[in-house]
Every structure is written in structure tokens, then in C-alpha cells.
């Protein structure tokens, strides 16, 4: 079984791409980072950044257990991970056969996030979110983007349309030679 991590910043397209690619691959499954609750999960990204941005504060034991369960089942040829750390987290890195990063510009990711997560928010709530982003969250986004971009096997342009991104990721998985 090949295990492929697909990463991007928040609202960068990870989940959408993983679901679409999973449908195109034979005998494929997926696990999604956001479906888990992890011990050590970061709540304050500004503080996390000021303390060194250590990805190992997340205890990925539940995700690791699910990877092992799917591997033992023998039911899949491909396991896609919607996962933000590429090879950066020691608990998962040895399980990965390939890491693909969707390099979505931060302005596009922010617009998607506002449209997706703040549909019922007031203008004041959106302004506060933008203030938080500019003063605290953006450095964490930039850090995660840089760390993933440099610590991955393939980088896909996340500004391209969804169909093109899905085609490129699928092609890499089926013909990438990893």
C-alpha cells in the first residue's frame, strides 16, 4: 500500500483534492487530519510560533493507529492523508511514500476560508478575524507553507483550477514512480 500525504495551508484545497483523487484511484481510502482530536493540539498559533513552532506537540497516535489498521486490512492500494506536516512529524514520516504540497496563495486560502467558515458572520466578526490573521495567524500560515513546500516531494500550484490540480495529483500518484 502506498501512503501519500497531501498538504496545503488551511483552506488550501487539501480535503477537496483528497476526496476527488480518492474517487479516481482503485482501492483507495483517505484519512483527514481535521477529523481527529489530538492531545497537545495547538489552540494559540501565535504562542506556538513564539515557542518555536514544534509540530511534535501534536500527539498523532490516533492517526497512526488508523494508518496501521488500514495497512493491516490489506483492503487498499492507496491511502491518502489530508495532512499538514509532510515529513515533518516523526510519528508519521516513516509511513509516508510521498508528500504532495498544494501551494495555494494565502490570499486565495483566506478568501476560501471566509467564504466557507464565515457565511453567517457579521461584518464585525469578519473584521476581527482579519485583524487576528494579520497580527497573529499569518506568521503561522507562512511558516507552515514554507515548511511544507521545502519538506515535500512534489509541489502543485494551488492557484490552478480544481480539475487541473486533481489531474496533476492523480497523475503523480499513478505515474510518479515513488
N, C-alpha and C. Protein backbone atom coordinates (compact mmCIF):
# COMPACT_ATOMS: atom_id res chain seq x y z
N UNK A 1 0.84 -1.18 0.00
CA UNK A 1 0.00 0.00 0.00
C UNK A 1 0.89 1.24 0.00
N UNK A 2 0.57 2.17 -0.86
CA UNK A 2 1.27 3.45 -0.92
C UNK A 2 0.51 4.47 -0.06
N UNK A 3 1.26 5.18 0.76
CA UNK A 3 0.66 6.22 1.62
C UNK A 3 1.16 7.56 1.12
N UNK A 4 0.22 8.41 0.73
CA UNK A 4 0.52 9.70 0.14
C UNK A 4 -0.08 10.80 1.01
N UNK A 5 0.76 11.69 1.50
CA UNK A 5 0.28 12.85 2.26
C UNK A 5 0.06 14.00 1.29
N UNK A 6 -1.09 14.62 1.41
CA UNK A 6 -1.41 15.79 0.60
C UNK A 6 -1.63 16.95 1.56
N UNK A 7 -0.79 17.97 1.43
CA UNK A 7 -0.84 19.10 2.34
C UNK A 7 -1.11 20.40 1.63
N UNK A 8 -1.52 21.37 2.41
CA UNK A 8 -1.74 22.75 1.98
C UNK A 8 -2.03 23.54 3.25
N UNK A 9 -2.01 24.85 3.15
CA UNK A 9 -2.44 25.66 4.29
C UNK A 9 -3.94 25.48 4.50
N UNK A 10 -4.46 25.95 5.61
CA UNK A 10 -5.89 25.91 5.86
C UNK A 10 -6.64 26.55 4.70
N UNK A 11 -7.64 25.84 4.19
CA UNK A 11 -8.46 26.26 3.05
C UNK A 11 -7.66 26.30 1.75
N UNK A 12 -6.56 25.57 1.73
CA UNK A 12 -5.73 25.49 0.53
C UNK A 12 -6.15 24.41 -0.44
N UNK A 13 -7.15 23.61 -0.09
CA UNK A 13 -7.68 22.62 -1.00
C UNK A 13 -7.39 21.17 -0.65
N UNK A 14 -6.77 20.91 0.50
CA UNK A 14 -6.39 19.54 0.87
C UNK A 14 -7.58 18.57 0.81
N UNK A 15 -8.60 18.87 1.56
CA UNK A 15 -9.73 17.95 1.70
C UNK A 15 -10.44 17.74 0.37
N UNK A 16 -10.68 18.81 -0.35
CA UNK A 16 -11.37 18.70 -1.64
C UNK A 16 -10.56 17.86 -2.62
N UNK A 17 -9.26 18.10 -2.67
CA UNK A 17 -8.40 17.34 -3.59
C UNK A 17 -8.30 15.88 -3.16
N UNK A 18 -8.12 15.63 -1.88
CA UNK A 18 -8.02 14.24 -1.40
C UNK A 18 -9.29 13.47 -1.76
N UNK A 19 -10.44 14.06 -1.52
CA UNK A 19 -11.70 13.36 -1.84
C UNK A 19 -11.83 13.09 -3.34
N UNK A 20 -11.49 14.06 -4.16
CA UNK A 20 -11.61 13.88 -5.61
C UNK A 20 -10.61 12.84 -6.13
N UNK A 21 -9.37 12.89 -5.64
CA UNK A 21 -8.36 11.92 -6.07
C UNK A 21 -8.74 10.52 -5.60
N UNK A 22 -9.23 10.40 -4.38
CA UNK A 22 -9.63 9.08 -3.86
C UNK A 22 -10.66 8.42 -4.78
N UNK A 23 -11.56 9.21 -5.33
CA UNK A 23 -12.58 8.67 -6.23
C UNK A 23 -11.99 8.16 -7.55
N UNK A 24 -10.83 8.66 -7.92
CA UNK A 24 -10.20 8.28 -9.20
C UNK A 24 -9.25 7.10 -9.08
N UNK A 25 -8.84 6.78 -7.88
CA UNK A 25 -7.86 5.72 -7.69
C UNK A 25 -8.55 4.40 -7.33
N UNK A 26 -8.03 3.30 -7.85
CA UNK A 26 -8.58 2.00 -7.46
C UNK A 26 -8.16 1.66 -6.03
N UNK A 27 -9.07 1.06 -5.30
CA UNK A 27 -8.78 0.58 -3.94
C UNK A 27 -8.07 1.64 -3.10
N UNK A 28 -8.71 2.78 -2.97
CA UNK A 28 -8.13 3.89 -2.22
C UNK A 28 -9.00 4.25 -1.02
N UNK A 29 -8.34 4.72 0.01
CA UNK A 29 -9.01 5.23 1.21
C UNK A 29 -8.35 6.55 1.57
N UNK A 30 -8.97 7.28 2.48
CA UNK A 30 -8.37 8.54 2.93
C UNK A 30 -8.62 8.73 4.42
N UNK A 31 -7.70 9.45 5.03
CA UNK A 31 -7.82 9.90 6.41
C UNK A 31 -7.61 11.40 6.41
N UNK A 32 -8.37 12.09 7.25
CA UNK A 32 -8.36 13.55 7.24
C UNK A 32 -7.98 14.07 8.63
N UNK A 33 -6.90 14.82 8.66
CA UNK A 33 -6.35 15.37 9.90
C UNK A 33 -7.41 16.07 10.75
N UNK A 34 -8.28 16.83 10.10
CA UNK A 34 -9.30 17.59 10.83
C UNK A 34 -10.39 16.73 11.45
N UNK A 35 -10.43 15.44 11.13
CA UNK A 35 -11.41 14.54 11.73
C UNK A 35 -10.96 14.03 13.10
N UNK A 36 -9.76 14.37 13.50
CA UNK A 36 -9.19 13.88 14.75
C UNK A 36 -9.10 14.97 15.80
N UNK A 37 -9.09 14.53 17.04
CA UNK A 37 -8.72 15.38 18.17
C UNK A 37 -7.42 14.80 18.71
N UNK A 38 -6.39 15.62 18.77
CA UNK A 38 -5.08 15.15 19.20
C UNK A 38 -4.70 15.79 20.52
N UNK A 39 -4.12 15.00 21.41
CA UNK A 39 -3.53 15.57 22.61
C UNK A 39 -2.43 16.53 22.17
N UNK A 40 -2.32 17.66 22.84
CA UNK A 40 -1.31 18.65 22.50
C UNK A 40 -1.69 19.57 21.36
N UNK A 41 -2.90 19.41 20.85
CA UNK A 41 -3.37 20.23 19.72
C UNK A 41 -3.21 21.72 20.03
N UNK A 42 -2.71 22.46 19.07
CA UNK A 42 -2.43 23.88 19.25
C UNK A 42 -3.71 24.70 19.13
N UNK A 43 -3.94 25.57 20.09
CA UNK A 43 -5.08 26.49 20.05
C UNK A 43 -4.62 27.91 19.70
N UNK A 44 -3.49 28.31 20.23
CA UNK A 44 -2.97 29.66 20.04
C UNK A 44 -1.73 29.58 19.14
N UNK A 45 -1.93 29.83 17.86
CA UNK A 45 -0.82 29.67 16.91
C UNK A 45 0.24 30.75 17.07
N UNK A 46 -0.14 31.93 17.54
CA UNK A 46 0.85 32.97 17.83
C UNK A 46 1.82 32.52 18.91
N UNK A 47 1.27 31.96 19.97
CA UNK A 47 2.09 31.45 21.06
C UNK A 47 2.94 30.27 20.58
N UNK A 48 2.34 29.38 19.80
CA UNK A 48 3.05 28.23 19.25
C UNK A 48 4.25 28.69 18.43
N UNK A 49 4.04 29.73 17.61
CA UNK A 49 5.14 30.27 16.80
C UNK A 49 6.24 30.84 17.69
N UNK A 50 5.85 31.60 18.71
CA UNK A 50 6.86 32.23 19.58
C UNK A 50 7.63 31.20 20.40
N UNK A 51 7.06 30.01 20.57
CA UNK A 51 7.73 28.94 21.32
C UNK A 51 8.51 27.98 20.41
N UNK A 52 8.63 28.31 19.13
CA UNK A 52 9.46 27.51 18.25
C UNK A 52 8.73 26.70 17.19
N UNK A 53 7.40 26.75 17.17
CA UNK A 53 6.60 26.08 16.12
C UNK A 53 6.92 24.60 15.99
N UNK A 54 6.96 23.90 17.11
CA UNK A 54 7.28 22.48 17.12
C UNK A 54 6.05 21.65 16.77
N UNK A 55 6.07 20.98 15.60
CA UNK A 55 4.91 20.17 15.18
C UNK A 55 4.73 18.93 16.05
N UNK A 56 5.76 18.58 16.80
CA UNK A 56 5.68 17.37 17.63
C UNK A 56 4.82 17.55 18.88
N UNK A 57 4.29 18.75 19.12
CA UNK A 57 3.38 18.93 20.24
C UNK A 57 2.07 18.18 19.99
N UNK A 58 1.72 17.96 18.72
CA UNK A 58 0.54 17.15 18.40
C UNK A 58 0.91 15.69 18.61
N UNK A 59 0.15 14.98 19.42
CA UNK A 59 0.32 13.54 19.59
C UNK A 59 -0.56 12.86 18.54
N UNK A 60 0.07 12.35 17.49
CA UNK A 60 -0.65 11.80 16.35
C UNK A 60 -1.01 10.32 16.51
N UNK A 61 -1.02 9.83 17.74
CA UNK A 61 -1.30 8.41 17.99
C UNK A 61 -2.61 7.93 17.35
N UNK A 62 -3.72 8.69 17.43
CA UNK A 62 -4.96 8.19 16.79
C UNK A 62 -4.82 8.03 15.27
N UNK A 63 -4.15 8.98 14.63
CA UNK A 63 -3.94 8.89 13.19
C UNK A 63 -3.01 7.72 12.87
N UNK A 64 -1.95 7.57 13.61
CA UNK A 64 -1.01 6.48 13.43
C UNK A 64 -1.72 5.13 13.56
N UNK A 65 -2.60 5.01 14.55
CA UNK A 65 -3.34 3.76 14.76
C UNK A 65 -4.25 3.46 13.56
N UNK A 66 -4.88 4.47 13.00
CA UNK A 66 -5.74 4.25 11.84
C UNK A 66 -4.93 3.88 10.60
N UNK A 67 -3.76 4.49 10.44
CA UNK A 67 -2.89 4.10 9.33
C UNK A 67 -2.52 2.63 9.45
N UNK A 68 -2.14 2.21 10.64
CA UNK A 68 -1.76 0.81 10.87
C UNK A 68 -2.94 -0.13 10.64
N UNK A 69 -4.13 0.26 11.08
CA UNK A 69 -5.33 -0.56 10.91
C UNK A 69 -5.62 -0.76 9.42
N UNK A 70 -5.55 0.31 8.64
CA UNK A 70 -5.81 0.22 7.20
C UNK A 70 -4.73 -0.59 6.51
N UNK A 71 -3.48 -0.40 6.92
CA UNK A 71 -2.37 -1.18 6.34
C UNK A 71 -2.59 -2.68 6.59
N UNK A 72 -2.94 -3.03 7.83
CA UNK A 72 -3.14 -4.45 8.18
C UNK A 72 -4.33 -5.06 7.43
N UNK A 73 -5.33 -4.25 7.13
CA UNK A 73 -6.53 -4.79 6.47
C UNK A 73 -6.24 -5.30 5.07
N UNK A 74 -5.24 -4.74 4.40
CA UNK A 74 -4.92 -5.14 3.04
C UNK A 74 -5.97 -4.75 2.02
N UNK A 75 -6.91 -3.92 2.40
CA UNK A 75 -8.03 -3.56 1.52
C UNK A 75 -7.70 -2.43 0.55
N UNK A 76 -6.56 -1.78 0.73
CA UNK A 76 -6.27 -0.59 -0.08
C UNK A 76 -4.92 -0.71 -0.77
N UNK A 77 -4.86 -0.12 -1.95
CA UNK A 77 -3.59 0.05 -2.64
C UNK A 77 -3.01 1.43 -2.36
N UNK A 78 -3.91 2.38 -2.04
CA UNK A 78 -3.51 3.77 -1.78
C UNK A 78 -4.24 4.28 -0.54
N UNK A 79 -3.47 4.93 0.32
CA UNK A 79 -4.05 5.64 1.45
C UNK A 79 -3.64 7.10 1.32
N UNK A 80 -4.61 7.97 1.15
CA UNK A 80 -4.36 9.40 1.03
C UNK A 80 -4.57 10.05 2.39
N UNK A 81 -3.58 10.83 2.81
CA UNK A 81 -3.69 11.55 4.07
C UNK A 81 -3.87 13.03 3.78
N UNK A 82 -4.95 13.59 4.23
CA UNK A 82 -5.19 15.04 4.24
C UNK A 82 -4.47 15.49 5.51
N UNK A 83 -3.25 15.99 5.34
CA UNK A 83 -2.31 16.05 6.47
C UNK A 83 -1.35 17.23 6.31
N UNK A 84 -1.18 18.05 7.34
CA UNK A 84 -0.44 19.31 7.18
C UNK A 84 1.07 19.29 7.40
N UNK A 85 1.67 18.17 7.76
CA UNK A 85 3.07 18.22 8.18
C UNK A 85 4.07 17.58 7.23
N UNK A 86 3.64 17.03 6.11
CA UNK A 86 4.54 16.33 5.19
C UNK A 86 5.42 15.36 5.99
N UNK A 87 6.72 15.40 5.80
CA UNK A 87 7.63 14.51 6.53
C UNK A 87 8.05 15.10 7.88
N UNK A 88 7.44 16.21 8.27
CA UNK A 88 7.91 16.95 9.42
C UNK A 88 7.64 16.33 10.78
N UNK A 89 6.68 15.44 10.91
CA UNK A 89 6.35 14.85 12.22
C UNK A 89 6.91 13.44 12.30
N UNK A 90 7.75 13.22 13.28
CA UNK A 90 8.47 11.94 13.39
C UNK A 90 7.54 10.74 13.58
N UNK A 91 6.34 10.94 14.09
CA UNK A 91 5.44 9.82 14.35
C UNK A 91 4.88 9.22 13.05
N UNK A 92 4.81 10.01 11.99
CA UNK A 92 4.19 9.56 10.75
C UNK A 92 5.20 9.46 9.60
N UNK A 93 6.29 10.18 9.67
CA UNK A 93 7.19 10.32 8.50
C UNK A 93 7.61 9.00 7.87
N UNK A 94 7.90 7.98 8.67
CA UNK A 94 8.37 6.72 8.10
C UNK A 94 7.27 5.93 7.39
N UNK A 95 6.03 6.30 7.62
CA UNK A 95 4.91 5.64 6.96
C UNK A 95 4.67 6.19 5.55
N UNK A 96 5.19 7.36 5.27
CA UNK A 96 4.85 8.06 4.03
C UNK A 96 5.73 7.62 2.86
N UNK A 97 5.07 7.36 1.74
CA UNK A 97 5.77 7.05 0.50
C UNK A 97 5.99 8.30 -0.34
N UNK A 98 5.13 9.29 -0.16
CA UNK A 98 5.21 10.50 -0.97
C UNK A 98 4.45 11.62 -0.27
N UNK A 99 4.95 12.84 -0.41
CA UNK A 99 4.25 14.02 0.09
C UNK A 99 4.06 15.00 -1.07
N UNK A 100 2.83 15.46 -1.21
CA UNK A 100 2.49 16.43 -2.26
C UNK A 100 1.94 17.66 -1.56
N UNK A 101 2.48 18.80 -1.93
CA UNK A 101 2.03 20.07 -1.34
C UNK A 101 1.28 20.89 -2.38
N UNK A 102 0.08 21.29 -2.05
CA UNK A 102 -0.70 22.19 -2.89
C UNK A 102 -0.36 23.60 -2.43
N UNK A 103 0.39 24.30 -3.23
CA UNK A 103 0.90 25.63 -2.87
C UNK A 103 -0.13 26.69 -3.25
N UNK A 104 -1.08 26.89 -2.36
CA UNK A 104 -2.17 27.84 -2.58
C UNK A 104 -1.77 29.19 -2.02
N UNK A 105 -1.81 30.24 -2.83
CA UNK A 105 -1.50 31.58 -2.31
C UNK A 105 -2.38 31.91 -1.11
N UNK A 106 -1.79 32.59 -0.14
CA UNK A 106 -2.50 32.86 1.11
C UNK A 106 -3.75 33.70 0.91
N UNK A 107 -3.76 34.60 -0.08
CA UNK A 107 -4.97 35.39 -0.29
C UNK A 107 -6.13 34.51 -0.77
N UNK A 108 -5.83 33.54 -1.62
CA UNK A 108 -6.88 32.62 -2.10
C UNK A 108 -7.37 31.75 -0.94
N UNK A 109 -6.45 31.23 -0.15
CA UNK A 109 -6.84 30.41 1.01
C UNK A 109 -7.69 31.22 1.98
N UNK A 110 -7.31 32.46 2.23
CA UNK A 110 -8.10 33.29 3.16
C UNK A 110 -9.49 33.54 2.60
N UNK A 111 -9.59 33.87 1.33
CA UNK A 111 -10.91 34.10 0.72
C UNK A 111 -11.77 32.85 0.83
N UNK A 112 -11.20 31.69 0.55
CA UNK A 112 -11.94 30.43 0.67
C UNK A 112 -12.39 30.20 2.10
N UNK A 113 -11.50 30.47 3.05
CA UNK A 113 -11.83 30.23 4.46
C UNK A 113 -12.97 31.13 4.90
N UNK A 114 -12.93 32.39 4.52
CA UNK A 114 -14.01 33.31 4.90
C UNK A 114 -15.32 32.85 4.26
N UNK A 115 -15.28 32.50 2.98
CA UNK A 115 -16.49 32.05 2.30
C UNK A 115 -17.03 30.75 2.90
N UNK A 116 -16.14 29.86 3.28
CA UNK A 116 -16.54 28.55 3.82
C UNK A 116 -16.99 28.64 5.27
N UNK A 117 -16.20 29.32 6.10
CA UNK A 117 -16.40 29.26 7.55
C UNK A 117 -17.17 30.43 8.14
N UNK A 118 -17.33 31.49 7.40
CA UNK A 118 -17.92 32.70 7.99
C UNK A 118 -19.16 33.17 7.24
N UNK A 119 -19.90 32.24 6.68
CA UNK A 119 -21.08 32.58 5.91
C UNK A 119 -22.12 33.37 6.71
N UNK A 120 -22.25 33.07 7.97
CA UNK A 120 -23.24 33.74 8.81
C UNK A 120 -22.64 34.78 9.75
N UNK A 121 -21.36 35.08 9.56
CA UNK A 121 -20.68 36.03 10.44
C UNK A 121 -21.08 37.46 10.10
N UNK A 122 -21.04 38.29 11.11
CA UNK A 122 -21.30 39.71 10.90
C UNK A 122 -20.05 40.36 10.33
N UNK A 123 -20.21 41.55 9.80
CA UNK A 123 -19.06 42.29 9.28
C UNK A 123 -18.02 42.50 10.39
N UNK A 124 -18.49 42.78 11.60
CA UNK A 124 -17.57 42.99 12.72
C UNK A 124 -16.79 41.72 13.03
N UNK A 125 -17.44 40.57 13.00
CA UNK A 125 -16.75 39.30 13.25
C UNK A 125 -15.70 39.03 12.17
N UNK A 126 -16.02 39.33 10.93
CA UNK A 126 -15.06 39.15 9.85
C UNK A 126 -13.89 40.11 10.01
N UNK A 127 -14.15 41.36 10.40
CA UNK A 127 -13.06 42.33 10.65
C UNK A 127 -12.14 41.83 11.76
N UNK A 128 -12.73 41.32 12.85
CA UNK A 128 -11.91 40.80 13.95
C UNK A 128 -11.06 39.61 13.49
N UNK A 129 -11.64 38.75 12.67
CA UNK A 129 -10.90 37.61 12.14
C UNK A 129 -9.73 38.08 11.28
N UNK A 130 -9.94 39.10 10.48
CA UNK A 130 -8.87 39.64 9.63
C UNK A 130 -7.77 40.27 10.48
N UNK A 131 -8.15 40.95 11.55
CA UNK A 131 -7.15 41.51 12.48
C UNK A 131 -6.31 40.40 13.10
N UNK A 132 -6.98 39.35 13.56
CA UNK A 132 -6.27 38.22 14.16
C UNK A 132 -5.33 37.58 13.14
N UNK A 133 -5.82 37.44 11.93
CA UNK A 133 -4.99 36.85 10.87
C UNK A 133 -3.74 37.70 10.65
N UNK A 134 -3.92 39.01 10.47
CA UNK A 134 -2.79 39.88 10.18
C UNK A 134 -1.78 39.95 11.31
N UNK A 135 -2.26 39.95 12.56
CA UNK A 135 -1.37 40.18 13.69
C UNK A 135 -0.87 38.92 14.38
N UNK A 136 -1.55 37.80 14.17
CA UNK A 136 -1.13 36.60 14.89
C UNK A 136 -1.05 35.36 14.01
N UNK A 137 -2.07 35.13 13.20
CA UNK A 137 -2.15 33.86 12.48
C UNK A 137 -1.29 33.82 11.22
N UNK A 138 -1.15 34.94 10.52
CA UNK A 138 -0.43 34.93 9.25
C UNK A 138 1.00 34.38 9.38
N UNK A 139 1.75 34.78 10.41
CA UNK A 139 3.10 34.19 10.53
C UNK A 139 3.07 32.66 10.63
N UNK A 140 2.06 32.10 11.29
CA UNK A 140 1.94 30.64 11.38
C UNK A 140 1.62 30.05 10.01
N UNK A 141 0.75 30.70 9.26
CA UNK A 141 0.44 30.23 7.91
C UNK A 141 1.70 30.25 7.04
N UNK A 142 2.44 31.34 7.09
CA UNK A 142 3.65 31.46 6.28
C UNK A 142 4.66 30.39 6.69
N UNK A 143 4.82 30.18 7.98
CA UNK A 143 5.75 29.17 8.47
C UNK A 143 5.34 27.78 7.97
N UNK A 144 4.08 27.43 8.13
CA UNK A 144 3.61 26.11 7.70
C UNK A 144 3.76 25.95 6.18
N UNK A 145 3.46 27.01 5.45
CA UNK A 145 3.59 26.96 4.00
C UNK A 145 5.04 26.73 3.60
N UNK A 146 5.95 27.46 4.20
CA UNK A 146 7.38 27.31 3.89
C UNK A 146 7.89 25.93 4.29
N UNK A 147 7.50 25.47 5.47
CA UNK A 147 7.97 24.16 5.96
C UNK A 147 7.47 23.04 5.06
N UNK A 148 6.22 23.11 4.64
CA UNK A 148 5.68 22.06 3.78
C UNK A 148 6.29 22.13 2.38
N UNK A 149 6.39 23.32 1.85
CA UNK A 149 6.90 23.48 0.48
C UNK A 149 8.31 22.91 0.36
N UNK A 150 9.14 23.15 1.37
CA UNK A 150 10.53 22.69 1.29
C UNK A 150 10.70 21.25 1.76
N UNK A 151 9.72 20.70 2.47
CA UNK A 151 9.84 19.35 3.00
C UNK A 151 8.92 18.36 2.32
N UNK A 152 8.72 18.52 1.02
CA UNK A 152 7.79 17.67 0.30
C UNK A 152 8.42 17.18 -1.00
N UNK A 153 7.83 16.17 -1.59
CA UNK A 153 8.37 15.60 -2.83
C UNK A 153 7.93 16.36 -4.07
N UNK A 154 6.69 16.80 -4.07
CA UNK A 154 6.12 17.49 -5.24
C UNK A 154 5.32 18.70 -4.77
N UNK A 155 5.39 19.77 -5.55
CA UNK A 155 4.63 20.98 -5.28
C UNK A 155 3.71 21.23 -6.47
N UNK A 156 2.44 21.40 -6.17
CA UNK A 156 1.41 21.68 -7.18
C UNK A 156 0.94 23.11 -6.98
N UNK A 157 0.72 23.83 -8.05
CA UNK A 157 0.25 25.22 -8.00
C UNK A 157 -1.23 25.24 -7.60
N UNK A 158 -1.50 25.67 -6.38
CA UNK A 158 -2.85 25.72 -5.85
C UNK A 158 -3.71 26.84 -6.39
N UNK A 159 -3.14 27.71 -7.22
CA UNK A 159 -3.94 28.77 -7.84
C UNK A 159 -4.63 28.25 -9.11
N UNK A 160 -4.24 27.06 -9.56
CA UNK A 160 -4.88 26.47 -10.74
C UNK A 160 -6.30 26.01 -10.37
N UNK A 161 -7.12 25.78 -11.39
CA UNK A 161 -8.49 25.32 -11.13
C UNK A 161 -8.46 23.91 -10.55
N UNK A 162 -9.52 23.56 -9.85
CA UNK A 162 -9.58 22.30 -9.11
C UNK A 162 -9.34 21.09 -10.02
N UNK A 163 -9.96 21.04 -11.17
CA UNK A 163 -9.81 19.89 -12.06
C UNK A 163 -8.34 19.69 -12.46
N UNK A 164 -7.63 20.76 -12.73
CA UNK A 164 -6.22 20.67 -13.09
C UNK A 164 -5.40 20.14 -11.92
N UNK A 165 -5.65 20.66 -10.72
CA UNK A 165 -4.92 20.20 -9.53
C UNK A 165 -5.19 18.72 -9.30
N UNK A 166 -6.45 18.31 -9.37
CA UNK A 166 -6.80 16.90 -9.15
C UNK A 166 -6.13 16.02 -10.21
N UNK A 167 -6.14 16.45 -11.46
CA UNK A 167 -5.47 15.68 -12.52
C UNK A 167 -3.98 15.56 -12.26
N UNK A 168 -3.33 16.64 -11.86
CA UNK A 168 -1.89 16.61 -11.60
C UNK A 168 -1.55 15.69 -10.43
N UNK A 169 -2.33 15.78 -9.36
CA UNK A 169 -2.07 14.93 -8.19
C UNK A 169 -2.30 13.46 -8.55
N UNK A 170 -3.39 13.17 -9.23
CA UNK A 170 -3.68 11.79 -9.64
C UNK A 170 -2.56 11.24 -10.52
N UNK A 171 -2.12 12.04 -11.47
CA UNK A 171 -1.04 11.62 -12.35
C UNK A 171 0.25 11.34 -11.57
N UNK A 172 0.57 12.18 -10.62
CA UNK A 172 1.76 11.96 -9.81
C UNK A 172 1.68 10.64 -9.05
N UNK A 173 0.51 10.37 -8.51
CA UNK A 173 0.33 9.15 -7.72
C UNK A 173 0.43 7.92 -8.62
N UNK A 174 -0.22 7.96 -9.75
CA UNK A 174 -0.24 6.79 -10.64
C UNK A 174 1.05 6.62 -11.43
N UNK A 175 1.74 7.72 -11.73
CA UNK A 175 2.91 7.64 -12.63
C UNK A 175 4.17 8.27 -12.06
N UNK A 176 4.15 8.67 -10.79
CA UNK A 176 5.27 9.39 -10.20
C UNK A 176 6.50 8.53 -9.91
N UNK A 177 6.34 7.23 -9.88
CA UNK A 177 7.49 6.36 -9.68
C UNK A 177 8.00 6.27 -8.25
N UNK A 178 7.22 6.67 -7.29
CA UNK A 178 7.68 6.53 -5.90
C UNK A 178 7.26 5.20 -5.33
